[in-house]
Amino acid sequence: MNIHAGCLPVIITIFNRVRTALDLAADADLSGRIEVWDIQQFLSTNISEHSQFDSTARNAKLAEIIGKYNAIIDEKETDPSLRIEFEAK
């Protein structure tokens, strides 16, 4: 398990489920041994970082990341509704 290997696992979930995930981690005696992140904050931070905090590059970088995500969905998933539709401006 990652925890036993000294890694800090991260759960990324929707904002409304962060508290639930933290409570479940506490119930499983994993408090302080895992991280729980809100998906919107996670994505916003990553998009900003990968676009080097340049607001003009943000949409292009987001389109690139979504393109990679959609490629994974096309290759690995059977449900095409998991794809994200995004048009860079």
C-alpha atoms as a PDB file:
ATOM      1  CA  MET A   1       0.000   0.000   0.000  1.00  0.00           C
ATOM      2  CA  ASN A   2       1.270   3.513  -0.757  1.00  0.00           C
ATOM      3  CA  ILE A   3       1.044   4.632   2.864  1.00  0.00           C
ATOM      4  CA  HIS A   4       3.315   1.785   3.980  1.00  0.00           C
ATOM      5  CA  ALA A   5       5.805   2.799   1.273  1.00  0.00           C
ATOM      6  CA  GLY A   6       6.044   6.274   2.812  1.00  0.00           C
ATOM      7  CA  CYS A   7       3.863   7.961   0.187  1.00  0.00           C
ATOM      8  CA  LEU A   8       1.119  10.440   0.952  1.00  0.00           C
ATOM      9  CA  PRO A   9      -1.961   9.356  -1.032  1.00  0.00           C
ATOM     10  CA  VAL A  10      -4.283  12.081  -2.291  1.00  0.00           C
ATOM     11  CA  ILE A  11      -8.036  11.816  -2.753  1.00  0.00           C
ATOM     12  CA  ILE A  12      -9.401  14.360  -5.218  1.00  0.00           C
ATOM     13  CA  THR A  13     -13.151  14.829  -4.993  1.00  0.00           C
ATOM     14  CA  ILE A  14     -15.898  17.399  -5.390  1.00  0.00           C
ATOM     15  CA  PHE A  15     -16.095  20.162  -2.788  1.00  0.00           C
ATOM     16  CA  ASN A  16     -19.239  18.755  -1.141  1.00  0.00           C
ATOM     17  CA  ARG A  17     -17.483  15.439  -0.487  1.00  0.00           C
ATOM     18  CA  VAL A  18     -14.201  16.700   0.970  1.00  0.00           C
ATOM     19  CA  ARG A  19     -15.595  16.617   4.527  1.00  0.00           C
ATOM     20  CA  THR A  20     -17.034  13.127   3.911  1.00  0.00           C
ATOM     21  CA  ALA A  21     -13.677  11.836   2.670  1.00  0.00           C
ATOM     22  CA  LEU A  22     -11.879  13.334   5.671  1.00  0.00           C
ATOM     23  CA  ASP A  23     -14.409  11.772   8.045  1.00  0.00           C
ATOM     24  CA  LEU A  24     -14.077   8.367   6.358  1.00  0.00           C
ATOM     25  CA  ALA A  25     -10.285   8.659   6.576  1.00  0.00           C
ATOM     26  CA  ALA A  26     -10.581   9.410  10.293  1.00  0.00           C
ATOM     27  CA  ASP A  27     -12.865   6.400  10.744  1.00  0.00           C
ATOM     28  CA  ALA A  28     -10.234   4.248   9.033  1.00  0.00           C
ATOM     29  CA  ASP A  29      -7.493   5.683  11.296  1.00  0.00           C
ATOM     30  CA  LEU A  30      -5.876   7.480   8.345  1.00  0.00           C
ATOM     31  CA  SER A  31      -6.083  11.069   9.617  1.00  0.00           C
ATOM     32  CA  GLY A  32      -2.917  12.924   8.708  1.00  0.00           C
ATOM     33  CA  ARG A  33      -1.792  10.047   6.489  1.00  0.00           C
ATOM     34  CA  ILE A  34      -3.759  11.059   3.386  1.00  0.00           C
ATOM     35  CA  GLU A  35      -4.640  14.353   1.703  1.00  0.00           C
ATOM     36  CA  VAL A  36      -8.103  15.278   0.448  1.00  0.00           C
ATOM     37  CA  TRP A  37      -8.356  17.983  -2.198  1.00  0.00           C
ATOM     38  CA  ASP A  38     -11.251  19.766  -3.846  1.00  0.00           C
ATOM     39  CA  ILE A  39     -11.188  19.085  -7.613  1.00  0.00           C
ATOM     40  CA  GLN A  40     -11.922  22.704  -8.564  1.00  0.00           C
ATOM     41  CA  GLN A  41      -9.011  24.040  -6.511  1.00  0.00           C
ATOM     42  CA  PHE A  42      -6.760  21.281  -7.777  1.00  0.00           C
ATOM     43  CA  LEU A  43      -7.578  21.982 -11.423  1.00  0.00           C
ATOM     44  CA  SER A  44      -7.426  25.762 -11.060  1.00  0.00           C
ATOM     45  CA  THR A  45      -4.024  25.583  -9.411  1.00  0.00           C
ATOM     46  CA  ASN A  46      -2.663  23.182 -12.020  1.00  0.00           C
ATOM     47  CA  ILE A  47      -3.972  25.176 -14.967  1.00  0.00           C
ATOM     48  CA  SER A  48      -2.459  28.367 -13.577  1.00  0.00           C
ATOM     49  CA  GLU A  49       0.856  26.678 -12.876  1.00  0.00           C
ATOM     50  CA  HIS A  50       1.076  24.952 -16.259  1.00  0.00           C
ATOM     51  CA  SER A  51       0.217  28.167 -18.088  1.00  0.00           C
ATOM     52  CA  GLN A  52       2.975  29.835 -16.049  1.00  0.00           C
ATOM     53  CA  PHE A  53       0.385  32.159 -14.487  1.00  0.00           C
ATOM     54  CA  ASP A  54      -0.137  33.829 -17.871  1.00  0.00           C
ATOM     55  CA  SER A  55      -3.858  34.488 -18.234  1.00  0.00           C
ATOM     56  CA  THR A  56      -3.587  34.595 -22.037  1.00  0.00           C
ATOM     57  CA  ALA A  57      -2.191  31.047 -22.087  1.00  0.00           C
ATOM     58  CA  ARG A  58      -4.695  29.607 -19.606  1.00  0.00           C
ATOM     59  CA  ASN A  59      -7.398  28.514 -22.076  1.00  0.00           C
ATOM     60  CA  ALA A  60      -4.883  26.917 -24.435  1.00  0.00           C
ATOM     61  CA  LYS A  61      -3.330  24.945 -21.569  1.00  0.00           C
ATOM     62  CA  LEU A  62      -6.767  23.909 -20.314  1.00  0.00           C
ATOM     63  CA  ALA A  63      -7.693  22.732 -23.826  1.00  0.00           C
ATOM     64  CA  GLU A  64      -4.456  20.718 -23.978  1.00  0.00           C
ATOM     65  CA  ILE A  65      -5.103  19.030 -20.624  1.00  0.00           C
ATOM     66  CA  ILE A  66      -8.725  18.273 -21.534  1.00  0.00           C
ATOM     67  CA  GLY A  67      -7.535  16.845 -24.857  1.00  0.00           C
ATOM     68  CA  LYS A  68      -5.205  14.473 -23.008  1.00  0.00           C
ATOM     69  CA  TYR A  69      -7.989  13.506 -20.602  1.00  0.00           C
ATOM     70  CA  ASN A  70     -10.373  12.826 -23.484  1.00  0.00           C
ATOM     71  CA  ALA A  71      -7.734  10.679 -25.204  1.00  0.00           C
ATOM     72  CA  ILE A  72      -7.524   8.539 -22.054  1.00  0.00           C
ATOM     73  CA  ILE A  73     -11.330   8.265 -21.977  1.00  0.00           C
ATOM     74  CA  ASP A  74     -11.382   7.251 -25.654  1.00  0.00           C
ATOM     75  CA  GLU A  75      -8.742   4.585 -25.054  1.00  0.00           C
ATOM     76  CA  LYS A  76      -9.762   3.172 -21.669  1.00  0.00           C
ATOM     77  CA  GLU A  77     -13.459   3.828 -21.054  1.00  0.00           C
ATOM     78  CA  THR A  78     -16.598   2.467 -22.670  1.00  0.00           C
ATOM     79  CA  ASP A  79     -18.789   5.437 -21.701  1.00  0.00           C
ATOM     80  CA  PRO A  80     -18.140   8.418 -24.002  1.00  0.00           C
ATOM     81  CA  SER A  81     -20.255  10.649 -21.749  1.00  0.00           C
ATOM     82  CA  LEU A  82     -17.169  10.905 -19.506  1.00  0.00           C
ATOM     83  CA  ARG A  83     -15.540  13.110 -22.136  1.00  0.00           C
ATOM     84  CA  ILE A  84     -15.288  16.855 -21.476  1.00  0.00           C
ATOM     85  CA  GLU A  85     -16.434  19.250 -24.186  1.00  0.00           C
ATOM     86  CA  PHE A  86     -14.352  22.424 -24.176  1.00  0.00           C
ATOM     87  CA  GLU A  87     -13.668  25.038 -26.796  1.00  0.00           C
ATOM     88  CA  ALA A  88     -10.664  27.286 -26.136  1.00  0.00           C
ATOM     89  CA  LYS A  89     -11.274  30.971 -26.712  1.00  0.00           C
END
